[in-house]
C-alpha atoms as a PDB file:
ATOM      1  CA  UNK A   1    -126.338-124.320  41.701  1.00  0.00           C
ATOM      2  CA  UNK A   2    -123.630-122.559  43.295  1.00  0.00           C
ATOM      3  CA  UNK A   3    -124.680-119.324  41.660  1.00  0.00           C
ATOM      4  CA  UNK A   4    -128.266-119.983  42.857  1.00  0.00           C
ATOM      5  CA  UNK A   5    -126.945-120.411  46.509  1.00  0.00           C
ATOM      6  CA  UNK A   6    -124.990-117.189  46.348  1.00  0.00           C
ATOM      7  CA  UNK A   7    -127.819-115.306  45.005  1.00  0.00           C
ATOM      8  CA  UNK A   8    -129.941-116.229  47.804  1.00  0.00           C
ATOM      9  CA  UNK A   9    -127.141-115.449  50.410  1.00  0.00           C
ATOM     10  CA  UNK A  10    -126.775-112.157  48.981  1.00  0.00           C
ATOM     11  CA  UNK A  11    -130.313-111.673  48.817  1.00  0.00           C
ATOM     12  CA  UNK A  12    -130.812-112.628  52.760  1.00  0.00           C
ATOM     13  CA  UNK A  13    -127.935-110.353  53.563  1.00  0.00           C
ATOM     14  CA  UNK A  14    -129.488-107.313  51.756  1.00  0.00           C
ATOM     15  CA  UNK A  15    -132.760-108.095  53.381  1.00  0.00           C
ATOM     16  CA  UNK A  16    -131.077-108.119  56.909  1.00  0.00           C
ATOM     17  CA  UNK A  17    -129.330-104.887  56.183  1.00  0.00           C
ATOM     18  CA  UNK A  18    -132.527-103.125  54.796  1.00  0.00           C
ATOM     19  CA  UNK A  19    -134.385-104.190  57.903  1.00  0.00           C
ATOM     20  CA  UNK A  20    -131.572-102.922  60.440  1.00  0.00           C
ATOM     21  CA  UNK A  21    -131.538 -99.696  58.443  1.00  0.00           C
ATOM     22  CA  UNK A  22    -135.454 -99.157  58.851  1.00  0.00           C
ATOM     23  CA  UNK A  23    -135.155-100.163  62.520  1.00  0.00           C
ATOM     24  CA  UNK A  24    -132.254 -97.537  63.112  1.00  0.00           C
ATOM     25  CA  UNK A  25    -134.311 -94.756  61.321  1.00  0.00           C
ATOM     26  CA  UNK A  26    -137.185 -95.526  63.468  1.00  0.00           C
ATOM     27  CA  UNK A  27    -135.175 -95.275  66.532  1.00  0.00           C
ATOM     28  CA  UNK A  28    -133.667 -91.982  65.453  1.00  0.00           C
ATOM     29  CA  UNK A  29    -136.783 -90.712  64.348  1.00  0.00           C
ATOM     30  CA  UNK A  30    -135.586 -89.880  60.784  1.00  0.00           C
ATOM     31  CA  UNK A  31    -132.558 -89.910  58.564  1.00  0.00           C
ATOM     32  CA  UNK A  32    -129.696 -91.364  60.465  1.00  0.00           C
ATOM     33  CA  UNK A  33    -127.422 -88.753  58.366  1.00  0.00           C
ATOM     34  CA  UNK A  34    -129.542 -85.738  59.667  1.00  0.00           C
ATOM     35  CA  UNK A  35    -129.318 -87.211  63.248  1.00  0.00           C
ATOM     36  CA  UNK A  36    -125.698 -87.375  63.122  1.00  0.00           C
ATOM     37  CA  UNK A  37    -125.180 -84.186  61.282  1.00  0.00           C
ATOM     38  CA  UNK A  38    -127.398 -82.451  64.213  1.00  0.00           C
ATOM     39  CA  UNK A  39    -125.150 -84.112  66.928  1.00  0.00           C
ATOM     40  CA  UNK A  40    -121.906 -83.279  65.492  1.00  0.00           C
ATOM     41  CA  UNK A  41    -122.394 -79.836  64.246  1.00  0.00           C
ATOM     42  CA  UNK A  42    -122.225 -78.308  67.822  1.00  0.00           C
ATOM     43  CA  UNK A  43    -118.909 -80.199  68.434  1.00  0.00           C
ATOM     44  CA  UNK A  44    -117.664 -78.952  65.057  1.00  0.00           C
ATOM     45  CA  UNK A  45    -118.431 -75.235  65.935  1.00  0.00           C
ATOM     46  CA  UNK A  46    -116.922 -75.359  69.553  1.00  0.00           C
ATOM     47  CA  UNK A  47    -113.739 -76.894  68.005  1.00  0.00           C
ATOM     48  CA  UNK A  48    -113.489 -74.429  65.372  1.00  0.00           C
ATOM     49  CA  UNK A  49    -114.294 -71.492  67.734  1.00  0.00           C
ATOM     50  CA  UNK A  50    -111.500 -72.946  70.096  1.00  0.00           C
ATOM     51  CA  UNK A  51    -108.828 -73.185  67.254  1.00  0.00           C
ATOM     52  CA  UNK A  52    -109.718 -69.774  66.034  1.00  0.00           C
ATOM     53  CA  UNK A  53    -109.448 -68.042  69.349  1.00  0.00           C
ATOM     54  CA  UNK A  54    -106.012 -69.830  69.824  1.00  0.00           C
ATOM     55  CA  UNK A  55    -104.570 -68.519  66.402  1.00  0.00           C
ATOM     56  CA  UNK A  56    -103.417 -64.929  66.169  1.00  0.00           C
ATOM     57  CA  UNK A  57    -104.679 -62.692  63.361  1.00  0.00           C
ATOM     58  CA  UNK A  58    -102.885 -63.836  60.100  1.00  0.00           C
ATOM     59  CA  UNK A  59    -102.776 -66.301  57.208  1.00  0.00           C
ATOM     60  CA  UNK A  60    -103.271 -69.442  59.571  1.00  0.00           C
ATOM     61  CA  UNK A  61    -106.332 -67.997  60.949  1.00  0.00           C
ATOM     62  CA  UNK A  62    -107.699 -66.930  57.582  1.00  0.00           C
ATOM     63  CA  UNK A  63    -107.090 -70.547  56.295  1.00  0.00           C
ATOM     64  CA  UNK A  64    -109.026 -72.121  59.002  1.00  0.00           C
ATOM     65  CA  UNK A  65    -111.894 -69.650  58.481  1.00  0.00           C
ATOM     66  CA  UNK A  66    -111.664 -70.799  54.857  1.00  0.00           C
ATOM     67  CA  UNK A  67    -111.920 -74.428  55.468  1.00  0.00           C
ATOM     68  CA  UNK A  68    -114.778 -73.841  57.985  1.00  0.00           C
ATOM     69  CA  UNK A  69    -116.624 -71.742  55.403  1.00  0.00           C
ATOM     70  CA  UNK A  70    -116.141 -74.657  52.798  1.00  0.00           C
ATOM     71  CA  UNK A  71    -117.427 -77.180  55.243  1.00  0.00           C
ATOM     72  CA  UNK A  72    -120.539 -75.195  55.996  1.00  0.00           C
ATOM     73  CA  UNK A  73    -121.292 -74.615  52.419  1.00  0.00           C
ATOM     74  CA  UNK A  74    -120.775 -78.367  51.707  1.00  0.00           C
ATOM     75  CA  UNK A  75    -123.382 -79.062  54.567  1.00  0.00           C
ATOM     76  CA  UNK A  76    -125.686 -76.556  53.150  1.00  0.00           C
ATOM     77  CA  UNK A  77    -125.489 -78.344  49.830  1.00  0.00           C
ATOM     78  CA  UNK A  78    -126.295 -81.334  51.397  1.00  0.00           C
ATOM     79  CA  UNK A  79    -129.535 -80.224  53.065  1.00  0.00           C
ATOM     80  CA  UNK A  80    -130.707 -78.359  49.705  1.00  0.00           C
ATOM     81  CA  UNK A  81    -130.114 -81.627  48.004  1.00  0.00           C
ATOM     82  CA  UNK A  82    -132.371 -83.443  50.517  1.00  0.00           C
ATOM     83  CA  UNK A  83    -134.963 -80.662  50.110  1.00  0.00           C
ATOM     84  CA  UNK A  84    -134.774 -81.038  46.424  1.00  0.00           C
ATOM     85  CA  UNK A  85    -134.971 -84.790  46.672  1.00  0.00           C
ATOM     86  CA  UNK A  86    -137.969 -84.476  48.932  1.00  0.00           C
ATOM     87  CA  UNK A  87    -139.678 -82.090  46.434  1.00  0.00           C
ATOM     88  CA  UNK A  88    -138.977 -84.370  43.431  1.00  0.00           C
ATOM     89  CA  UNK A  89    -140.283 -87.295  45.575  1.00  0.00           C
ATOM     90  CA  UNK A  90    -143.516 -85.429  46.305  1.00  0.00           C
ATOM     91  CA  UNK A  91    -144.034 -84.399  42.605  1.00  0.00           C
ATOM     92  CA  UNK A  92    -143.424 -87.998  41.436  1.00  0.00           C
ATOM     93  CA  UNK A  93    -146.201 -89.187  43.806  1.00  0.00           C
ATOM     94  CA  UNK A  94    -148.519 -86.255  42.596  1.00  0.00           C
ATOM     95  CA  UNK A  95    -147.818 -87.187  39.026  1.00  0.00           C
ATOM     96  CA  UNK A  96    -148.507 -91.071  39.788  1.00  0.00           C
ATOM     97  CA  UNK A  97    -151.955 -90.158  41.361  1.00  0.00           C
ATOM     98  CA  UNK A  98    -152.856 -87.985  38.696  1.00  0.00           C
ATOM     99  CA  UNK A  99    -152.027 -90.737  36.201  1.00  0.00           C
ATOM    100  CA  UNK A 100    -154.052 -93.235  38.319  1.00  0.00           C
ATOM    101  CA  UNK A 101    -157.048 -90.808  38.322  1.00  0.00           C
ATOM    102  CA  UNK A 102    -156.997 -90.381  34.675  1.00  0.00           C
ATOM    103  CA  UNK A 103    -156.760 -94.237  33.990  1.00  0.00           C
ATOM    104  CA  UNK A 104    -159.710 -94.701  36.355  1.00  0.00           C
ATOM    105  CA  UNK A 105    -161.687 -91.930  34.435  1.00  0.00           C
ATOM    106  CA  UNK A 106    -160.808 -93.532  31.110  1.00  0.00           C
ATOM    107  CA  UNK A 107    -161.684 -97.070  32.229  1.00  0.00           C
ATOM    108  CA  UNK A 108    -165.129 -95.745  33.432  1.00  0.00           C
ATOM    109  CA  UNK A 109    -165.717 -94.122  30.095  1.00  0.00           C
ATOM    110  CA  UNK A 110    -164.816 -97.251  28.318  1.00  0.00           C
ATOM    111  CA  UNK A 111    -167.090 -99.286  30.473  1.00  0.00           C
ATOM    112  CA  UNK A 112    -169.806 -97.068  29.465  1.00  0.00           C
ATOM    113  CA  UNK A 113    -169.069 -97.541  25.806  1.00  0.00           C
ATOM    114  CA  UNK A 114    -168.996-101.216  26.245  1.00  0.00           C
ATOM    115  CA  UNK A 115    -172.334-101.580  27.759  1.00  0.00           C
ATOM    116  CA  UNK A 116    -174.505-103.064  24.946  1.00  0.00           C
ATOM    117  CA  UNK A 117    -178.025-101.797  26.909  1.00  0.00           C
ATOM    118  CA  UNK A 118    -176.794 -98.322  26.655  1.00  0.00           C
ATOM    119  CA  UNK A 119    -179.080 -96.273  24.371  1.00  0.00           C
ATOM    120  CA  UNK A 120    -177.282 -94.825  21.381  1.00  0.00           C
ATOM    121  CA  UNK A 121    -177.903 -91.095  20.247  1.00  0.00           C
ATOM    122  CA  UNK A 122    -178.329 -90.047  16.703  1.00  0.00           C
ATOM    123  CA  UNK A 123    -174.644 -88.364  17.013  1.00  0.00           C
ATOM    124  CA  UNK A 124    -173.228 -91.780  18.347  1.00  0.00           C
ATOM    125  CA  UNK A 125    -174.975 -93.575  15.188  1.00  0.00           C
ATOM    126  CA  UNK A 126    -173.778 -90.957  12.680  1.00  0.00           C
ATOM    127  CA  UNK A 127    -170.284 -91.367  14.120  1.00  0.00           C
ATOM    128  CA  UNK A 128    -170.351 -95.048  13.369  1.00  0.00           C
ATOM    129  CA  UNK A 129    -171.677 -94.528   9.832  1.00  0.00           C
ATOM    130  CA  UNK A 130    -168.945 -91.913   9.145  1.00  0.00           C
ATOM    131  CA  UNK A 131    -166.275 -94.197  10.339  1.00  0.00           C
ATOM    132  CA  UNK A 132    -167.851 -97.065   8.201  1.00  0.00           C
ATOM    133  CA  UNK A 133    -167.877 -94.761   5.300  1.00  0.00           C
ATOM    134  CA  UNK A 134    -164.373 -93.488   5.764  1.00  0.00           C
ATOM    135  CA  UNK A 135    -163.106 -97.303   6.012  1.00  0.00           C
ATOM    136  CA  UNK A 136    -164.857 -98.383   3.019  1.00  0.00           C
ATOM    137  CA  UNK A 137    -163.612 -95.420   1.048  1.00  0.00           C
ATOM    138  CA  UNK A 138    -166.938 -93.693   0.350  1.00  0.00           C
ATOM    139  CA  UNK A 139    -166.023 -90.524   2.265  1.00  0.00           C
END
């Protein structure tokens, strides 16, 4: 009984978190991470520029430039990963729709075959006879 109560409590907590996240995303107009990155990037650039101008030419300045470039590459990877995920999501939805369309077409074809009032063609009759002969070992 205790496990069931804990499960219900955790489920309720997760539902609340998901609702809050969705509300934050609506308020932010998109991904919270993208909004935060867009807000922080100018501050980051201004700070790095200030530190670079304060440092004389030499190994310390080069070290700071390397760190800034590494940060920029990391941010670009994140953007590329987000773009890749978007493409994969669109591909998945495209394939799901294609699958649904194929199933619908197959269901329509099956319904036609199940209709007892549907007139049979000579080819249909011959296919049935051939299959029966095959099953009985006559062919």
